[in-house]
Amino acid sequence: MSSAQQDAFSARLLGWFDTSGRHDLPWQHPRAPYRVWLSEIMLQQTQVKTVIPYFERFVAAFPDVPALAAASLDDVLAQWSGLGYYARARNLHAAARICVEQHGGDLPRDFDKLVALPGIGRSTAGAILSQAWGDRFSILDGNVKRVLARYHGISGWPGLPAVEKQMWTLAEQHLPATRMADYTQAQMDFGATLCTRHDPACMLCVLQDDCVALREGRVEELPTSKPGKPLPERIAVILLAENEQGQILLQRRPPVGIWASLWSLPEAADHEIARDWFQRHLHGDYDHGEALPELPHVFSHYKLRMHPLRWQALAARDVVRDNDDLRWVDRAGLKSLGLPAPIRKLLEN
């Protein structure tokens, strides 16, 4: 790639950003390191319009790194509840505590130290450094991969190491000498709003004169999709138990796995296991549970079909009392806890 092509790519993107990019996002005013970091974590696999209200509530609750580090994980998960991919919140919390312990309560302005923090990879570190400090680092999120694949005509699933390595090289070659914060935002905006996955606006594209995919009629096929396979299905019995006061029995999820450390309804793989759990923890008749409509939920690697059963006016056995992983919660108290989105929806209906 010639130096003229490199310069044209970044110059055209910056020109497009000046007239068509997003300039009023809450984390842009100001572009403080903590706010940039939080936005980058929230934006992973999540659209901007979804993130904005969560970002604003989160910053109001935890305005800086020390405040986030001092919060309990339950409080952090409660603010994150509904945004999904909860490992992001757990990593964010853990990273904030490391920043307080090792970096004076601030994010470090050092690539290697950033990447060493939980939840921060190469692209996220580059996004933080370029946007918060204007340092010359590239990014390679899904939007950037799509633009590079089409512009350069790169075949192969971008998740393959060889393809990703090629894209990193190109991303670094395209970096401008100045305006790194704007250029980083321009790349993300361009892929999200113009060079979209479906129905890209090629006739409005400032890169169309040099786009290989457009020239060769390969826009729809690039970037190459990940080799697919059917998602497996899993069944779960969900126990919705209410006591005489109308409180709901919640169980904390394990610290690893799906919905880790969130509060949820007790769950079992089948009725035999569910019946055993019920009899060990509650007084009542398992067979009198009211079957509620199936609750489907799709994760990235499997489909979960939840079958809720509901009991009312139950009493708990002694094993439930004074247990950090089981608690009766008033419906009003559900708002203060981190709950999986489908479970919160079930309880609020």
Protein backbone atom coordinates (compact mmCIF):
# COMPACT_ATOMS: atom_id res chain seq x y z
CA MET A 1 0.00 0.00 0.00
CA SER A 2 1.42 3.37 -1.03
CA SER A 3 1.80 6.28 1.37
CA ALA A 4 -0.75 8.18 -0.74
CA GLN A 5 -3.33 5.43 -0.15
CA GLN A 6 -2.56 5.47 3.58
CA ASP A 7 -3.01 9.22 3.77
CA ALA A 8 -6.16 9.18 1.64
CA PHE A 9 -7.85 6.60 3.86
CA SER A 10 -7.42 8.49 7.12
CA ALA A 11 -7.94 11.94 5.56
CA ARG A 12 -11.21 10.89 3.96
CA LEU A 13 -12.47 9.28 7.16
CA LEU A 14 -11.65 12.40 9.18
CA GLY A 15 -13.36 14.58 6.59
CA TRP A 16 -16.43 12.35 6.74
CA PHE A 17 -16.35 12.42 10.55
CA ASP A 18 -16.34 16.21 10.62
CA THR A 19 -19.62 16.38 8.73
CA SER A 20 -21.33 13.05 9.49
CA GLY A 21 -19.76 11.54 12.60
CA ARG A 22 -21.16 11.45 16.11
CA HIS A 23 -20.01 14.42 18.20
CA ASP A 24 -22.52 14.46 21.06
CA LEU A 25 -21.92 11.12 22.79
CA PRO A 26 -21.76 11.51 26.59
CA TRP A 27 -18.29 9.98 26.90
CA GLN A 28 -16.91 12.58 24.48
CA HIS A 29 -17.64 15.43 26.90
CA PRO A 30 -15.17 15.19 28.45
CA ARG A 31 -13.03 12.45 26.94
CA ALA A 32 -11.60 11.58 30.35
CA PRO A 33 -9.76 8.24 30.63
CA TYR A 34 -12.31 6.70 33.02
CA ARG A 35 -15.26 7.71 30.85
CA VAL A 36 -13.58 6.48 27.67
CA TRP A 37 -12.69 3.17 29.32
CA LEU A 38 -16.22 2.65 30.62
CA SER A 39 -17.75 3.45 27.24
CA GLU A 40 -15.40 1.08 25.42
CA ILE A 41 -16.29 -1.79 27.75
CA MET A 42 -20.02 -1.10 27.49
CA LEU A 43 -19.87 -0.81 23.70
CA GLN A 44 -18.41 -4.29 23.28
CA GLN A 45 -21.12 -6.21 21.38
CA THR A 46 -23.67 -3.54 22.32
CA GLN A 47 -25.12 -0.68 20.26
CA VAL A 48 -24.56 2.97 21.13
CA LYS A 49 -28.27 3.74 21.64
CA THR A 50 -28.50 0.93 24.18
CA VAL A 51 -25.34 1.95 26.01
CA ILE A 52 -26.06 5.69 26.50
CA PRO A 53 -28.63 5.45 29.35
CA TYR A 54 -26.58 2.75 31.10
CA PHE A 55 -23.44 4.85 30.79
CA GLU A 56 -25.12 7.91 32.26
CA ARG A 57 -26.58 5.99 35.22
CA PHE A 58 -23.30 4.17 35.83
CA VAL A 59 -21.23 7.37 35.87
CA ALA A 60 -23.75 9.00 38.18
CA ALA A 61 -23.41 6.08 40.60
CA PHE A 62 -19.63 5.64 40.22
CA PRO A 63 -18.15 8.93 38.94
CA ASP A 64 -14.50 7.85 38.93
CA VAL A 65 -12.14 4.90 39.35
CA PRO A 66 -11.90 5.10 43.18
CA ALA A 67 -15.70 5.23 43.50
CA LEU A 68 -16.06 2.15 41.31
CA ALA A 69 -13.34 0.33 43.23
CA ALA A 70 -15.00 1.12 46.57
CA ALA A 71 -18.41 -0.17 45.46
CA SER A 72 -19.59 -3.70 46.14
CA LEU A 73 -19.88 -6.11 43.23
CA ASP A 74 -23.61 -6.36 43.91
CA ASP A 75 -23.99 -2.59 43.45
CA VAL A 76 -21.97 -2.69 40.22
CA LEU A 77 -23.98 -5.59 38.81
CA ALA A 78 -27.22 -3.83 39.75
CA GLN A 79 -26.22 -0.84 37.62
CA TRP A 80 -25.20 -3.19 34.80
CA SER A 81 -28.33 -5.34 35.00
CA GLY A 82 -29.96 -5.71 31.58
CA LEU A 83 -26.87 -4.73 29.57
CA GLY A 84 -25.72 -8.35 29.28
CA TYR A 85 -22.30 -9.96 29.01
CA TYR A 86 -21.81 -9.54 32.76
CA ALA A 87 -18.17 -10.59 32.72
CA ARG A 88 -17.56 -7.05 31.45
CA ALA A 89 -18.91 -5.59 34.69
CA ARG A 90 -16.96 -8.01 36.87
CA ASN A 91 -13.75 -7.26 34.98
CA LEU A 92 -14.42 -3.52 35.16
CA HIS A 93 -14.82 -3.72 38.93
CA ALA A 94 -11.70 -5.85 39.37
CA ALA A 95 -9.66 -3.54 37.12
CA ALA A 96 -10.76 -0.47 39.11
CA ARG A 97 -9.50 -2.07 42.32
CA ILE A 98 -6.16 -2.85 40.68
CA CYS A 99 -5.92 0.77 39.50
CA VAL A 100 -6.43 1.96 43.09
CA GLU A 101 -3.93 -0.54 44.47
CA GLN A 102 -1.23 -0.16 41.81
CA HIS A 103 -1.80 3.02 39.79
CA GLY A 104 -2.84 5.69 42.28
CA GLY A 105 -6.53 5.45 41.46
CA ASP A 106 -6.10 6.29 37.76
CA LEU A 107 -5.99 4.30 34.54
CA PRO A 108 -2.33 3.92 33.52
CA ARG A 109 -1.21 5.73 30.37
CA ASP A 110 0.81 2.73 29.29
CA PHE A 111 -0.21 0.09 26.75
CA ASP A 112 1.26 -2.93 28.54
CA LYS A 113 -0.19 -1.90 31.91
CA LEU A 114 -3.60 -1.35 30.36
CA VAL A 115 -3.62 -4.74 28.65
CA ALA A 116 -2.66 -6.33 31.97
CA LEU A 117 -5.96 -5.15 33.49
CA PRO A 118 -8.95 -7.54 33.43
CA GLY A 119 -11.20 -7.08 30.41
CA ILE A 120 -8.84 -4.86 28.40
CA GLY A 121 -7.39 -6.30 25.21
CA ARG A 122 -5.25 -4.81 22.50
CA SER A 123 -8.04 -2.96 20.69
CA THR A 124 -9.64 -1.60 23.85
CA ALA A 125 -6.27 -0.39 25.13
CA GLY A 126 -5.65 1.36 21.81
CA ALA A 127 -9.09 2.98 21.94
CA ILE A 128 -8.47 4.29 25.45
CA LEU A 129 -5.01 5.66 24.71
CA SER A 130 -6.01 7.28 21.42
CA GLN A 131 -9.24 8.86 22.67
CA ALA A 132 -8.27 9.84 26.21
CA TRP A 133 -4.74 11.05 25.50
CA GLY A 134 -4.46 11.33 21.71
CA ASP A 135 -1.73 8.70 21.61
CA ARG A 136 -1.04 7.02 18.26
CA PHE A 137 -2.55 3.55 18.66
CA SER A 138 -4.77 1.58 16.31
CA ILE A 139 -8.00 -0.26 17.09
CA LEU A 140 -9.56 -3.33 15.53
CA ASP A 141 -13.15 -3.79 16.65
CA GLY A 142 -15.87 -5.38 14.52
CA ASN A 143 -16.64 -2.16 12.65
CA VAL A 144 -12.99 -1.59 11.73
CA LYS A 145 -12.57 -5.18 10.59
CA ARG A 146 -15.56 -4.85 8.29
CA VAL A 147 -14.28 -1.62 6.73
CA LEU A 148 -10.76 -2.98 6.23
CA ALA A 149 -12.02 -6.28 4.80
CA ARG A 150 -14.08 -4.45 2.18
CA TYR A 151 -11.64 -1.64 1.43
CA HIS A 152 -8.70 -4.02 0.90
CA GLY A 153 -10.70 -7.02 -0.36
CA ILE A 154 -9.53 -9.33 2.46
CA SER A 155 -11.05 -12.81 2.39
CA GLY A 156 -11.21 -15.12 5.39
CA TRP A 157 -13.00 -14.89 8.71
CA PRO A 158 -11.42 -11.99 10.66
CA GLY A 159 -11.29 -14.13 13.79
CA LEU A 160 -8.59 -16.31 12.23
CA PRO A 161 -5.13 -15.34 13.55
CA ALA A 162 -3.59 -14.90 10.09
CA VAL A 163 -6.41 -12.67 8.87
CA GLU A 164 -6.46 -10.65 12.08
CA LYS A 165 -2.69 -10.15 11.91
CA GLN A 166 -3.04 -8.78 8.37
CA MET A 167 -5.75 -6.38 9.53
CA TRP A 168 -3.68 -5.13 12.47
CA THR A 169 -0.86 -4.31 10.06
CA LEU A 170 -3.21 -2.34 7.80
CA ALA A 171 -4.88 -0.59 10.73
CA GLU A 172 -1.50 0.65 11.92
CA GLN A 173 -0.46 1.74 8.42
CA HIS A 174 -3.61 3.88 8.10
CA LEU A 175 -3.01 5.86 11.31
CA PRO A 176 -2.89 9.64 10.77
CA ALA A 177 -0.20 11.82 12.33
CA THR A 178 -2.72 13.87 14.33
CA ARG A 179 -6.35 13.92 15.57
CA MET A 180 -6.15 10.41 16.97
CA ALA A 181 -9.23 10.75 19.19
CA ASP A 182 -11.36 11.90 16.24
CA TYR A 183 -9.90 9.26 13.94
CA THR A 184 -10.66 6.45 16.39
CA GLN A 185 -14.25 7.63 16.76
CA ALA A 186 -14.50 8.10 12.98
CA GLN A 187 -13.62 4.46 12.33
CA MET A 188 -16.24 3.20 14.75
CA ASP A 189 -18.92 5.59 13.48
CA PHE A 190 -18.17 4.84 9.84
CA GLY A 191 -18.62 1.10 10.29
CA ALA A 192 -21.66 1.50 12.53
CA THR A 193 -23.61 3.98 10.42
CA LEU A 194 -22.42 3.79 6.79
CA CYS A 195 -20.31 0.71 6.03
CA THR A 196 -22.82 -1.45 7.86
CA ARG A 197 -23.07 -5.22 7.82
CA HIS A 198 -26.29 -5.18 5.80
CA ASP A 199 -27.24 -2.63 3.13
CA PRO A 200 -24.13 -0.43 3.36
CA ALA A 201 -24.49 3.02 1.79
CA CYS A 202 -21.75 2.51 -0.80
CA MET A 203 -22.88 5.38 -3.03
CA LEU A 204 -22.37 7.81 -0.15
CA CYS A 205 -19.03 6.32 0.88
CA VAL A 206 -15.97 8.58 0.85
CA LEU A 207 -13.78 5.50 0.31
CA GLN A 208 -15.66 4.13 -2.69
CA ASP A 209 -13.05 5.09 -5.31
CA ASP A 210 -10.47 2.73 -3.77
CA CYS A 211 -12.73 0.06 -2.24
CA VAL A 212 -11.80 -3.37 -3.62
CA ALA A 213 -15.05 -5.00 -2.52
CA LEU A 214 -17.15 -2.39 -4.32
CA ARG A 215 -15.03 -2.60 -7.45
CA GLU A 216 -15.21 -6.41 -7.54
CA GLY A 217 -18.85 -6.73 -6.48
CA ARG A 218 -17.97 -8.45 -3.19
CA VAL A 219 -19.47 -6.04 -0.65
CA GLU A 220 -22.09 -8.48 0.60
CA GLU A 221 -19.66 -11.36 1.01
CA LEU A 222 -17.04 -9.41 2.97
CA PRO A 223 -16.03 -9.74 5.68
CA THR A 224 -16.18 -13.52 5.50
CA SER A 225 -18.63 -14.94 8.01
CA LYS A 226 -17.57 -17.22 10.80
CA PRO A 227 -18.11 -20.87 9.87
CA GLY A 228 -21.49 -21.63 11.38
CA LYS A 229 -23.00 -24.57 13.20
CA PRO A 230 -26.42 -24.98 14.86
CA LEU A 231 -26.60 -23.71 18.43
CA PRO A 232 -27.19 -26.49 20.96
CA GLU A 233 -30.22 -26.22 23.25
CA ARG A 234 -30.38 -26.56 26.99
CA ILE A 235 -33.42 -26.98 29.23
CA ALA A 236 -33.66 -25.53 32.73
CA VAL A 237 -36.37 -25.68 35.39
CA ILE A 238 -36.69 -22.29 37.13
CA LEU A 239 -38.12 -22.19 40.66
CA LEU A 240 -40.14 -19.07 41.50
CA ALA A 241 -40.95 -19.43 45.19
CA GLU A 242 -42.81 -16.75 47.16
CA ASN A 243 -43.36 -16.74 50.93
CA GLU A 244 -46.43 -15.55 52.81
CA GLN A 245 -45.12 -11.95 52.74
CA GLY A 246 -44.82 -12.05 48.94
CA GLN A 247 -41.03 -12.13 49.05
CA ILE A 248 -39.16 -14.07 46.37
CA LEU A 249 -36.41 -16.58 47.04
CA LEU A 250 -33.27 -15.65 45.10
CA GLN A 251 -30.03 -17.55 44.73
CA ARG A 252 -26.65 -16.10 43.86
CA ARG A 253 -25.14 -17.61 40.72
CA PRO A 254 -21.68 -19.20 40.92
CA PRO A 255 -18.68 -16.86 40.44
CA VAL A 256 -17.94 -18.36 37.02
CA GLY A 257 -20.12 -19.29 34.06
CA ILE A 258 -23.28 -17.75 32.65
CA TRP A 259 -24.64 -14.81 34.68
CA ALA A 260 -21.78 -15.28 37.15
CA SER A 261 -22.33 -13.67 40.58
CA LEU A 262 -25.77 -12.29 39.65
CA TRP A 263 -28.82 -12.99 41.78
CA SER A 264 -31.35 -15.21 40.00
CA LEU A 265 -34.07 -17.74 40.65
CA PRO A 266 -32.94 -21.24 41.66
CA GLU A 267 -32.39 -23.40 38.59
CA ALA A 268 -32.15 -27.12 37.92
CA ALA A 269 -31.38 -29.22 34.86
CA ASP A 270 -34.55 -31.33 35.19
CA HIS A 271 -37.55 -31.94 37.44
CA GLU A 272 -35.87 -34.66 39.48
CA ILE A 273 -33.05 -32.32 40.51
CA ALA A 274 -35.50 -29.44 40.97
CA ARG A 275 -37.73 -31.56 43.22
CA ASP A 276 -34.78 -32.57 45.36
CA TRP A 277 -33.64 -28.94 45.73
CA PHE A 278 -37.19 -27.83 46.57
CA GLN A 279 -37.63 -30.45 49.27
CA ARG A 280 -34.28 -29.60 50.89
CA HIS A 281 -34.94 -25.86 51.02
CA LEU A 282 -38.71 -25.29 51.22
CA HIS A 283 -41.85 -26.55 52.94
CA GLY A 284 -44.58 -27.36 50.47
CA ASP A 285 -45.61 -29.66 47.64
CA TYR A 286 -43.42 -29.50 44.54
CA ASP A 287 -46.19 -30.96 42.39
CA HIS A 288 -48.46 -28.00 43.19
CA GLY A 289 -46.17 -25.59 41.34
CA GLU A 290 -47.90 -23.48 38.71
CA ALA A 291 -46.30 -23.91 35.28
CA LEU A 292 -45.63 -20.51 33.70
CA PRO A 293 -44.96 -19.90 29.97
CA GLU A 294 -41.59 -21.03 28.66
CA LEU A 295 -38.89 -18.38 28.83
CA PRO A 296 -36.41 -18.70 25.91
CA HIS A 297 -33.03 -16.95 25.90
CA VAL A 298 -30.21 -17.14 23.35
CA PHE A 299 -26.56 -16.91 24.35
CA SER A 300 -23.69 -16.71 21.90
CA HIS A 301 -22.97 -20.44 22.17
CA TYR A 302 -26.29 -22.09 23.09
CA LYS A 303 -30.04 -21.60 23.44
CA LEU A 304 -31.59 -21.82 26.88
CA ARG A 305 -35.23 -22.84 27.28
CA MET A 306 -36.37 -22.04 30.80
CA HIS A 307 -39.50 -23.62 32.28
CA PRO A 308 -40.61 -21.59 35.33
CA LEU A 309 -42.65 -23.11 38.15
CA ARG A 310 -44.31 -20.86 40.72
CA TRP A 311 -45.35 -21.45 44.32
CA GLN A 312 -46.92 -18.96 46.71
CA ALA A 313 -47.11 -18.69 50.50
CA LEU A 314 -44.21 -21.10 51.06
CA ALA A 315 -42.08 -21.36 54.17
CA ALA A 316 -38.33 -21.97 54.06
CA ARG A 317 -36.41 -24.62 55.91
CA ASP A 318 -33.58 -23.60 58.23
CA VAL A 319 -30.99 -24.12 55.47
CA VAL A 320 -32.21 -20.92 53.77
CA ARG A 321 -31.64 -18.71 56.80
CA ASP A 322 -28.34 -16.85 57.23
CA ASN A 323 -27.12 -18.02 53.86
CA ASP A 324 -25.09 -15.60 51.71
CA ASP A 325 -26.22 -17.36 48.54
CA LEU A 326 -29.96 -17.57 49.27
CA ARG A 327 -32.21 -14.74 50.37
CA TRP A 328 -35.85 -13.67 50.45
CA VAL A 329 -36.26 -10.36 48.62
CA ASP A 330 -39.20 -7.96 48.47
CA ARG A 331 -40.27 -7.07 44.95
CA ALA A 332 -39.30 -3.48 45.66
CA GLY A 333 -35.79 -4.65 46.46
CA LEU A 334 -35.29 -6.30 43.08
CA LYS A 335 -34.24 -2.97 41.55
CA SER A 336 -31.16 -2.81 43.75
CA LEU A 337 -29.84 -6.21 42.68
CA GLY A 338 -28.09 -7.41 39.55
CA LEU A 339 -30.52 -9.82 37.88
CA PRO A 340 -30.31 -11.53 34.47
CA ALA A 341 -32.56 -9.67 32.02
CA PRO A 342 -34.96 -12.59 31.31
CA ILE A 343 -35.34 -13.29 35.04
CA ARG A 344 -36.05 -9.63 35.78
CA LYS A 345 -38.64 -9.63 32.97
CA LEU A 346 -40.30 -12.73 34.45
CA LEU A 347 -40.47 -11.21 37.93
CA GLU A 348 -41.78 -7.87 36.71
CA ASN A 349 -44.67 -9.39 34.74
